[in-house]
Amino acid sequence: MLQNFLLNILLTFVWVALTGQLDYANFLFGYTMGFFILWMVNRSIRANTEYFYRVPKIFAFIFLFFYDLLKANFEVMKDVVTPNYNMKPGIVKYEMDAKTDFEITMLANMIALTPGTVVIDLSKDKKFMYIHVMYLTNKEEFKSTLSNRIERKLLEILR
């Protein structure tokens, strides 16, 4: 997987050097072109394809996280700007599927980066995470969303 990633970055820099334009759009276009070139080459020689399944999942997770981030920012902004007090704070005990310290840290970072949520504590056996939620209407719905939308997709990328 690392070999394919490094080859993809090399092809990206070759593309940027050939075009003579170093900007985000050209870099992203070069990365995408390199990705498809490597995919076609590896498909024909039946090489390791894990990289080609993981990269789209990473980009999908990034877009999903940015969507959730924007949605949470607008919710907090609406509460700050309007005179109504819409907060319904609460603490949720969430059972994690993440096992390693790195997985738990990444999950905690994803939760803490989203406005309105912060990780308070972790159980000693590292099975439960205690999360403070600013807008908690339904605990089970929050747990389900966190499990299916963030943790499961994050673990697909990391494992």
N, C-alpha and C. Protein backbone atom coordinates (compact mmCIF):
# COMPACT_ATOMS: atom_id res chain seq x y z
N MET A 1 0.82 -1.19 0.00
CA MET A 1 0.00 0.00 0.00
C MET A 1 0.86 1.25 0.00
N LEU A 2 1.89 1.28 0.81
CA LEU A 2 2.76 2.44 0.88
C LEU A 2 3.46 2.66 -0.46
N GLN A 3 3.83 1.58 -1.12
CA GLN A 3 4.50 1.69 -2.41
C GLN A 3 3.58 2.37 -3.43
N ASN A 4 2.32 1.98 -3.48
CA ASN A 4 1.38 2.60 -4.40
C ASN A 4 1.16 4.07 -4.07
N PHE A 5 1.09 4.39 -2.78
CA PHE A 5 0.91 5.79 -2.38
C PHE A 5 2.10 6.64 -2.82
N LEU A 6 3.31 6.14 -2.58
CA LEU A 6 4.50 6.90 -2.98
C LEU A 6 4.60 7.04 -4.50
N LEU A 7 4.24 5.99 -5.23
CA LEU A 7 4.21 6.10 -6.69
C LEU A 7 3.17 7.12 -7.14
N ASN A 8 2.04 7.15 -6.47
CA ASN A 8 1.01 8.11 -6.81
C ASN A 8 1.48 9.54 -6.56
N ILE A 9 2.15 9.77 -5.45
CA ILE A 9 2.70 11.10 -5.16
C ILE A 9 3.77 11.46 -6.19
N LEU A 10 4.60 10.51 -6.55
CA LEU A 10 5.62 10.77 -7.58
C LEU A 10 4.98 11.16 -8.91
N LEU A 11 3.96 10.43 -9.33
CA LEU A 11 3.25 10.77 -10.56
C LEU A 11 2.59 12.15 -10.46
N THR A 12 2.11 12.48 -9.28
CA THR A 12 1.51 13.80 -9.08
C THR A 12 2.54 14.89 -9.27
N PHE A 13 3.71 14.72 -8.69
CA PHE A 13 4.76 15.74 -8.85
C PHE A 13 5.28 15.81 -10.29
N VAL A 14 5.31 14.68 -10.96
CA VAL A 14 5.69 14.69 -12.38
C VAL A 14 4.66 15.50 -13.17
N TRP A 15 3.38 15.29 -12.87
CA TRP A 15 2.32 16.05 -13.54
C TRP A 15 2.47 17.55 -13.27
N VAL A 16 2.70 17.91 -12.01
CA VAL A 16 2.84 19.32 -11.65
C VAL A 16 4.06 19.92 -12.34
N ALA A 17 5.15 19.18 -12.43
CA ALA A 17 6.35 19.67 -13.09
C ALA A 17 6.12 19.85 -14.58
N LEU A 18 5.41 18.93 -15.19
CA LEU A 18 5.16 19.02 -16.63
C LEU A 18 4.23 20.18 -16.98
N THR A 19 3.24 20.42 -16.14
CA THR A 19 2.31 21.52 -16.42
C THR A 19 2.85 22.86 -15.97
N GLY A 20 3.73 22.86 -14.98
CA GLY A 20 4.32 24.11 -14.50
C GLY A 20 3.40 24.93 -13.62
N GLN A 21 2.33 24.34 -13.13
CA GLN A 21 1.39 25.04 -12.25
C GLN A 21 1.28 24.30 -10.93
N LEU A 22 1.70 24.95 -9.87
CA LEU A 22 1.59 24.36 -8.54
C LEU A 22 0.44 25.04 -7.80
N ASP A 23 -0.72 24.50 -7.95
CA ASP A 23 -1.88 24.96 -7.19
C ASP A 23 -2.70 23.75 -6.78
N TYR A 24 -3.68 23.97 -5.91
CA TYR A 24 -4.44 22.85 -5.36
C TYR A 24 -5.19 22.06 -6.42
N ALA A 25 -5.81 22.76 -7.34
CA ALA A 25 -6.60 22.08 -8.36
C ALA A 25 -5.72 21.21 -9.25
N ASN A 26 -4.57 21.74 -9.66
CA ASN A 26 -3.67 20.97 -10.52
C ASN A 26 -3.07 19.79 -9.76
N PHE A 27 -2.74 19.99 -8.49
CA PHE A 27 -2.20 18.91 -7.67
C PHE A 27 -3.24 17.80 -7.50
N LEU A 28 -4.49 18.19 -7.22
CA LEU A 28 -5.55 17.20 -7.05
C LEU A 28 -5.83 16.47 -8.36
N PHE A 29 -5.79 17.20 -9.47
CA PHE A 29 -5.99 16.56 -10.77
C PHE A 29 -4.86 15.57 -11.07
N GLY A 30 -3.61 15.97 -10.78
CA GLY A 30 -2.47 15.08 -10.98
C GLY A 30 -2.55 13.85 -10.10
N TYR A 31 -3.00 14.02 -8.85
CA TYR A 31 -3.15 12.89 -7.93
C TYR A 31 -4.21 11.92 -8.47
N THR A 32 -5.32 12.48 -8.95
CA THR A 32 -6.40 11.65 -9.48
C THR A 32 -5.95 10.90 -10.73
N MET A 33 -5.25 11.59 -11.61
CA MET A 33 -4.74 10.94 -12.82
C MET A 33 -3.75 9.83 -12.45
N GLY A 34 -2.84 10.10 -11.52
CA GLY A 34 -1.89 9.09 -11.07
C GLY A 34 -2.58 7.90 -10.44
N PHE A 35 -3.63 8.18 -9.67
CA PHE A 35 -4.40 7.11 -9.03
C PHE A 35 -4.99 6.18 -10.08
N PHE A 36 -5.61 6.74 -11.11
CA PHE A 36 -6.23 5.91 -12.15
C PHE A 36 -5.18 5.19 -13.00
N ILE A 37 -4.05 5.82 -13.24
CA ILE A 37 -2.98 5.14 -13.99
C ILE A 37 -2.48 3.93 -13.20
N LEU A 38 -2.20 4.14 -11.92
CA LEU A 38 -1.73 3.02 -11.09
C LEU A 38 -2.79 1.94 -10.96
N TRP A 39 -4.03 2.33 -10.87
CA TRP A 39 -5.12 1.37 -10.76
C TRP A 39 -5.18 0.49 -12.02
N MET A 40 -5.06 1.12 -13.17
CA MET A 40 -5.10 0.35 -14.42
C MET A 40 -3.89 -0.59 -14.52
N VAL A 41 -2.71 -0.12 -14.15
CA VAL A 41 -1.51 -0.95 -14.23
C VAL A 41 -1.60 -2.11 -13.24
N ASN A 42 -2.00 -1.83 -12.01
CA ASN A 42 -2.08 -2.88 -10.99
C ASN A 42 -3.19 -3.87 -11.29
N ARG A 43 -4.25 -3.41 -11.92
CA ARG A 43 -5.35 -4.30 -12.28
C ARG A 43 -4.91 -5.30 -13.34
N SER A 44 -4.07 -4.85 -14.25
CA SER A 44 -3.64 -5.75 -15.32
C SER A 44 -2.62 -6.78 -14.83
N ILE A 45 -1.84 -6.43 -13.79
CA ILE A 45 -0.85 -7.40 -13.29
C ILE A 45 -1.32 -8.09 -12.01
N ARG A 46 -2.54 -7.80 -11.58
CA ARG A 46 -3.16 -8.39 -10.40
C ARG A 46 -2.31 -8.21 -9.15
N ALA A 47 -1.87 -6.99 -8.94
CA ALA A 47 -1.05 -6.68 -7.77
C ALA A 47 -1.96 -6.36 -6.57
N ASN A 48 -1.36 -5.97 -5.47
CA ASN A 48 -2.08 -5.62 -4.26
C ASN A 48 -3.00 -4.43 -4.53
N THR A 49 -4.30 -4.59 -4.28
CA THR A 49 -5.27 -3.55 -4.60
C THR A 49 -5.85 -2.86 -3.37
N GLU A 50 -5.31 -3.12 -2.20
CA GLU A 50 -5.84 -2.51 -0.98
C GLU A 50 -5.84 -0.99 -1.06
N TYR A 51 -4.79 -0.42 -1.61
CA TYR A 51 -4.66 1.04 -1.74
C TYR A 51 -5.82 1.62 -2.55
N PHE A 52 -6.25 0.93 -3.56
CA PHE A 52 -7.27 1.46 -4.47
C PHE A 52 -8.67 1.37 -3.89
N TYR A 53 -8.83 0.60 -2.83
CA TYR A 53 -10.11 0.57 -2.12
C TYR A 53 -10.09 1.54 -0.94
N ARG A 54 -8.95 1.75 -0.35
CA ARG A 54 -8.86 2.60 0.83
C ARG A 54 -8.91 4.09 0.50
N VAL A 55 -8.26 4.52 -0.57
CA VAL A 55 -8.20 5.94 -0.92
C VAL A 55 -9.59 6.53 -1.15
N PRO A 56 -10.48 5.90 -1.93
CA PRO A 56 -11.83 6.47 -2.07
C PRO A 56 -12.58 6.54 -0.74
N LYS A 57 -12.36 5.56 0.14
CA LYS A 57 -12.99 5.60 1.46
C LYS A 57 -12.48 6.78 2.28
N ILE A 58 -11.20 7.09 2.16
CA ILE A 58 -10.62 8.22 2.88
C ILE A 58 -11.24 9.53 2.39
N PHE A 59 -11.33 9.70 1.08
CA PHE A 59 -11.93 10.92 0.54
C PHE A 59 -13.41 11.02 0.91
N ALA A 60 -14.14 9.92 0.86
CA ALA A 60 -15.55 9.93 1.24
C ALA A 60 -15.70 10.30 2.71
N PHE A 61 -14.80 9.77 3.56
CA PHE A 61 -14.85 10.11 4.98
C PHE A 61 -14.55 11.58 5.21
N ILE A 62 -13.59 12.13 4.49
CA ILE A 62 -13.25 13.55 4.63
C ILE A 62 -14.44 14.43 4.26
N PHE A 63 -15.10 14.11 3.14
CA PHE A 63 -16.27 14.89 2.73
C PHE A 63 -17.40 14.75 3.74
N LEU A 64 -17.63 13.54 4.23
CA LEU A 64 -18.67 13.32 5.24
C LEU A 64 -18.37 14.10 6.51
N PHE A 65 -17.10 14.09 6.94
CA PHE A 65 -16.74 14.80 8.15
C PHE A 65 -16.91 16.31 7.97
N PHE A 66 -16.49 16.84 6.81
CA PHE A 66 -16.66 18.27 6.57
C PHE A 66 -18.14 18.65 6.52
N TYR A 67 -18.98 17.78 5.97
CA TYR A 67 -20.42 18.04 5.97
C TYR A 67 -20.95 18.11 7.41
N ASP A 68 -20.59 17.13 8.23
CA ASP A 68 -21.01 17.14 9.63
C ASP A 68 -20.46 18.35 10.38
N LEU A 69 -19.24 18.74 10.05
CA LEU A 69 -18.61 19.90 10.68
C LEU A 69 -19.37 21.17 10.34
N LEU A 70 -19.70 21.37 9.07
CA LEU A 70 -20.46 22.54 8.65
C LEU A 70 -21.85 22.56 9.27
N LYS A 71 -22.49 21.41 9.30
CA LYS A 71 -23.83 21.31 9.89
C LYS A 71 -23.80 21.68 11.37
N ALA A 72 -22.82 21.19 12.10
CA ALA A 72 -22.70 21.50 13.53
C ALA A 72 -22.35 22.98 13.73
N ASN A 73 -21.49 23.53 12.88
CA ASN A 73 -21.16 24.95 13.00
C ASN A 73 -22.39 25.83 12.79
N PHE A 74 -23.22 25.50 11.81
CA PHE A 74 -24.43 26.28 11.58
C PHE A 74 -25.41 26.16 12.74
N GLU A 75 -25.48 24.97 13.33
CA GLU A 75 -26.36 24.78 14.48
C GLU A 75 -25.91 25.63 15.66
N VAL A 76 -24.62 25.64 15.93
CA VAL A 76 -24.08 26.46 17.03
C VAL A 76 -24.24 27.95 16.70
N MET A 77 -23.95 28.32 15.45
CA MET A 77 -24.08 29.73 15.04
C MET A 77 -25.52 30.20 15.18
N LYS A 78 -26.47 29.37 14.79
CA LYS A 78 -27.89 29.73 14.89
C LYS A 78 -28.27 29.96 16.34
N ASP A 79 -27.74 29.14 17.23
CA ASP A 79 -28.05 29.28 18.65
C ASP A 79 -27.42 30.54 19.23
N VAL A 80 -26.26 30.91 18.74
CA VAL A 80 -25.58 32.10 19.25
C VAL A 80 -26.27 33.38 18.74
N VAL A 81 -26.68 33.37 17.49
CA VAL A 81 -27.24 34.57 16.86
C VAL A 81 -28.68 34.83 17.29
N THR A 82 -29.47 33.80 17.43
CA THR A 82 -30.88 33.98 17.79
C THR A 82 -31.04 34.15 19.30
N PRO A 83 -32.10 34.84 19.70
CA PRO A 83 -32.29 35.06 21.14
C PRO A 83 -32.80 33.83 21.89
N ASN A 84 -33.28 32.82 21.17
CA ASN A 84 -33.78 31.61 21.82
C ASN A 84 -32.63 30.77 22.36
N TYR A 85 -32.93 30.05 23.42
CA TYR A 85 -31.96 29.15 24.03
C TYR A 85 -32.34 27.73 23.63
N ASN A 86 -31.66 27.18 22.63
CA ASN A 86 -32.03 25.88 22.06
C ASN A 86 -31.19 24.73 22.58
N MET A 87 -30.23 24.99 23.44
CA MET A 87 -29.34 23.91 23.89
C MET A 87 -30.08 22.91 24.77
N LYS A 88 -29.74 21.65 24.58
CA LYS A 88 -30.22 20.56 25.43
C LYS A 88 -29.00 19.72 25.78
N PRO A 89 -28.14 20.20 26.68
CA PRO A 89 -26.90 19.48 26.95
C PRO A 89 -27.14 18.15 27.65
N GLY A 90 -26.21 17.25 27.41
CA GLY A 90 -26.28 15.94 28.04
C GLY A 90 -24.98 15.20 27.89
N ILE A 91 -24.83 14.16 28.70
CA ILE A 91 -23.64 13.32 28.66
C ILE A 91 -24.05 11.92 28.22
N VAL A 92 -23.31 11.40 27.25
CA VAL A 92 -23.62 10.09 26.67
C VAL A 92 -22.49 9.12 26.99
N LYS A 93 -22.85 7.94 27.45
CA LYS A 93 -21.88 6.86 27.63
C LYS A 93 -21.93 6.02 26.36
N TYR A 94 -20.84 6.09 25.60
CA TYR A 94 -20.81 5.46 24.27
C TYR A 94 -19.87 4.27 24.29
N GLU A 95 -20.39 3.10 23.90
CA GLU A 95 -19.56 1.89 23.80
C GLU A 95 -18.87 1.88 22.44
N MET A 96 -17.54 1.82 22.46
CA MET A 96 -16.75 1.93 21.24
C MET A 96 -16.42 0.56 20.66
N ASP A 97 -16.27 0.54 19.34
CA ASP A 97 -15.72 -0.64 18.66
C ASP A 97 -14.21 -0.48 18.47
N ALA A 98 -13.72 0.75 18.62
CA ALA A 98 -12.28 1.01 18.50
C ALA A 98 -11.55 0.33 19.65
N LYS A 99 -10.43 -0.31 19.32
CA LYS A 99 -9.70 -1.08 20.33
C LYS A 99 -8.31 -0.51 20.63
N THR A 100 -7.57 -0.13 19.60
CA THR A 100 -6.20 0.33 19.83
C THR A 100 -6.21 1.78 20.29
N ASP A 101 -5.10 2.19 20.88
CA ASP A 101 -4.98 3.57 21.34
C ASP A 101 -5.09 4.56 20.18
N PHE A 102 -4.52 4.21 19.03
CA PHE A 102 -4.58 5.10 17.87
C PHE A 102 -6.02 5.26 17.38
N GLU A 103 -6.77 4.16 17.30
CA GLU A 103 -8.16 4.23 16.87
C GLU A 103 -9.00 5.07 17.84
N ILE A 104 -8.78 4.88 19.12
CA ILE A 104 -9.52 5.63 20.13
C ILE A 104 -9.17 7.12 20.04
N THR A 105 -7.90 7.42 19.86
CA THR A 105 -7.47 8.81 19.75
C THR A 105 -8.06 9.48 18.52
N MET A 106 -8.05 8.78 17.39
CA MET A 106 -8.62 9.36 16.17
C MET A 106 -10.13 9.58 16.32
N LEU A 107 -10.82 8.65 16.93
CA LEU A 107 -12.26 8.81 17.16
C LEU A 107 -12.52 9.99 18.09
N ALA A 108 -11.75 10.09 19.15
CA ALA A 108 -11.91 11.21 20.08
C ALA A 108 -11.64 12.55 19.40
N ASN A 109 -10.66 12.58 18.52
CA ASN A 109 -10.38 13.81 17.78
C ASN A 109 -11.52 14.18 16.84
N MET A 110 -12.09 13.20 16.15
CA MET A 110 -13.21 13.47 15.25
C MET A 110 -14.40 14.02 16.03
N ILE A 111 -14.63 13.48 17.23
CA ILE A 111 -15.74 13.95 18.05
C ILE A 111 -15.45 15.35 18.58
N ALA A 112 -14.24 15.58 19.06
CA ALA A 112 -13.89 16.87 19.65
C ALA A 112 -13.81 17.98 18.61
N LEU A 113 -13.48 17.66 17.37
CA LEU A 113 -13.41 18.68 16.32
C LEU A 113 -14.78 19.17 15.89
N THR A 114 -15.80 18.40 16.14
CA THR A 114 -17.15 18.81 15.78
C THR A 114 -17.70 19.73 16.86
N PRO A 115 -18.12 20.95 16.50
CA PRO A 115 -18.65 21.88 17.50
C PRO A 115 -19.88 21.30 18.21
N GLY A 116 -19.95 21.51 19.50
CA GLY A 116 -21.07 21.02 20.29
C GLY A 116 -20.83 19.68 20.95
N THR A 117 -19.70 19.04 20.67
CA THR A 117 -19.39 17.76 21.30
C THR A 117 -17.95 17.78 21.80
N VAL A 118 -17.75 17.15 22.93
CA VAL A 118 -16.39 17.02 23.47
C VAL A 118 -16.32 15.72 24.29
N VAL A 119 -15.20 15.05 24.18
CA VAL A 119 -14.99 13.82 24.93
C VAL A 119 -14.54 14.19 26.34
N ILE A 120 -15.26 13.69 27.31
CA ILE A 120 -14.97 14.02 28.71
C ILE A 120 -14.01 13.02 29.33
N ASP A 121 -14.30 11.74 29.12
CA ASP A 121 -13.50 10.72 29.80
C ASP A 121 -13.56 9.42 29.01
N LEU A 122 -12.65 8.54 29.35
CA LEU A 122 -12.56 7.21 28.77
C LEU A 122 -12.52 6.23 29.93
N SER A 123 -13.27 5.15 29.83
CA SER A 123 -13.27 4.17 30.91
C SER A 123 -11.91 3.51 31.02
N LYS A 124 -11.62 2.96 32.18
CA LYS A 124 -10.31 2.35 32.42
C LYS A 124 -10.06 1.15 31.50
N ASP A 125 -11.10 0.42 31.15
CA ASP A 125 -10.93 -0.73 30.27
C ASP A 125 -10.99 -0.35 28.79
N LYS A 126 -11.13 0.93 28.48
CA LYS A 126 -11.14 1.50 27.12
C LYS A 126 -12.27 0.95 26.27
N LYS A 127 -13.41 0.66 26.90
CA LYS A 127 -14.57 0.19 26.16
C LYS A 127 -15.61 1.29 25.98
N PHE A 128 -15.61 2.25 26.90
CA PHE A 128 -16.62 3.30 26.88
C PHE A 128 -15.97 4.68 26.82
N MET A 129 -16.64 5.57 26.12
CA MET A 129 -16.22 6.95 26.01
C MET A 129 -17.39 7.81 26.50
N TYR A 130 -17.10 8.76 27.35
CA TYR A 130 -18.12 9.66 27.86
C TYR A 130 -18.03 10.97 27.08
N ILE A 131 -19.14 11.34 26.44
CA ILE A 131 -19.16 12.48 25.53
C ILE A 131 -20.19 13.49 26.01
N HIS A 132 -19.78 14.76 26.09
CA HIS A 132 -20.71 15.84 26.39
C HIS A 132 -21.25 16.37 25.05
N VAL A 133 -22.56 16.39 24.93
CA VAL A 133 -23.22 16.84 23.71
C VAL A 133 -24.03 18.08 24.04
N MET A 134 -23.86 19.12 23.24
CA MET A 134 -24.54 20.39 23.47
C MET A 134 -26.01 20.34 23.05
N TYR A 135 -26.31 19.63 21.98
CA TYR A 135 -27.68 19.53 21.47
C TYR A 135 -28.09 18.07 21.43
N LEU A 136 -28.49 17.54 22.56
CA LEU A 136 -28.84 16.13 22.69
C LEU A 136 -30.36 16.00 22.78
N THR A 137 -30.98 15.53 21.72
CA THR A 137 -32.43 15.33 21.75
C THR A 137 -32.76 13.87 22.04
N ASN A 138 -31.94 12.94 21.51
CA ASN A 138 -32.19 11.52 21.70
C ASN A 138 -30.84 10.81 21.83
N LYS A 139 -30.59 10.21 22.98
CA LYS A 139 -29.30 9.56 23.22
C LYS A 139 -29.06 8.39 22.27
N GLU A 140 -30.07 7.58 22.06
CA GLU A 140 -29.90 6.41 21.20
C GLU A 140 -29.65 6.82 19.75
N GLU A 141 -30.31 7.87 19.31
CA GLU A 141 -30.08 8.35 17.95
C GLU A 141 -28.66 8.90 17.80
N PHE A 142 -28.19 9.61 18.82
CA PHE A 142 -26.82 10.13 18.79
C PHE A 142 -25.81 8.98 18.74
N LYS A 143 -26.02 7.96 19.58
CA LYS A 143 -25.12 6.80 19.59
C LYS A 143 -25.12 6.09 18.24
N SER A 144 -26.29 5.91 17.68
CA SER A 144 -26.41 5.24 16.39
C SER A 144 -25.72 6.04 15.29
N THR A 145 -25.92 7.34 15.28
CA THR A 145 -25.28 8.19 14.28
C THR A 145 -23.77 8.16 14.43
N LEU A 146 -23.30 8.26 15.66
CA LEU A 146 -21.86 8.23 15.91
C LEU A 146 -21.27 6.88 15.50
N SER A 147 -21.96 5.81 15.80
CA SER A 147 -21.46 4.48 15.47
C SER A 147 -21.44 4.23 13.96
N ASN A 148 -22.55 4.53 13.29
CA ASN A 148 -22.68 4.21 11.87
C ASN A 148 -22.03 5.23 10.96
N ARG A 149 -22.04 6.48 11.35
CA ARG A 149 -21.59 7.53 10.45
C ARG A 149 -20.12 7.88 10.63
N ILE A 150 -19.63 7.82 11.85
CA ILE A 150 -18.25 8.24 12.08
C ILE A 150 -17.35 7.06 12.41
N GLU A 151 -17.66 6.34 13.49
CA GLU A 151 -16.75 5.30 13.96
C GLU A 151 -16.56 4.17 12.95
N ARG A 152 -17.64 3.67 12.40
CA ARG A 152 -17.53 2.55 11.45
C ARG A 152 -16.70 2.94 10.23
N LYS A 153 -16.95 4.13 9.68
CA LYS A 153 -16.20 4.58 8.50
C LYS A 153 -14.74 4.87 8.85
N LEU A 154 -14.49 5.39 10.03
CA LEU A 154 -13.12 5.65 10.46
C LEU A 154 -12.36 4.34 10.62
N LEU A 155 -13.00 3.34 11.21
CA LEU A 155 -12.34 2.05 11.42
C LEU A 155 -12.11 1.32 10.09
N GLU A 156 -12.98 1.53 9.09
CA GLU A 156 -12.75 0.95 7.77
C GLU A 156 -11.47 1.49 7.16
N ILE A 157 -11.19 2.75 7.43
CA ILE A 157 -9.98 3.38 6.89
C ILE A 157 -8.74 2.90 7.65
N LEU A 158 -8.84 2.82 8.96
CA LEU A 158 -7.67 2.52 9.79
C LEU A 158 -7.31 1.05 9.82
N ARG A 159 -8.25 0.18 9.62
CA ARG A 159 -7.96 -1.26 9.73
C ARG A 159 -7.65 -1.88 8.40
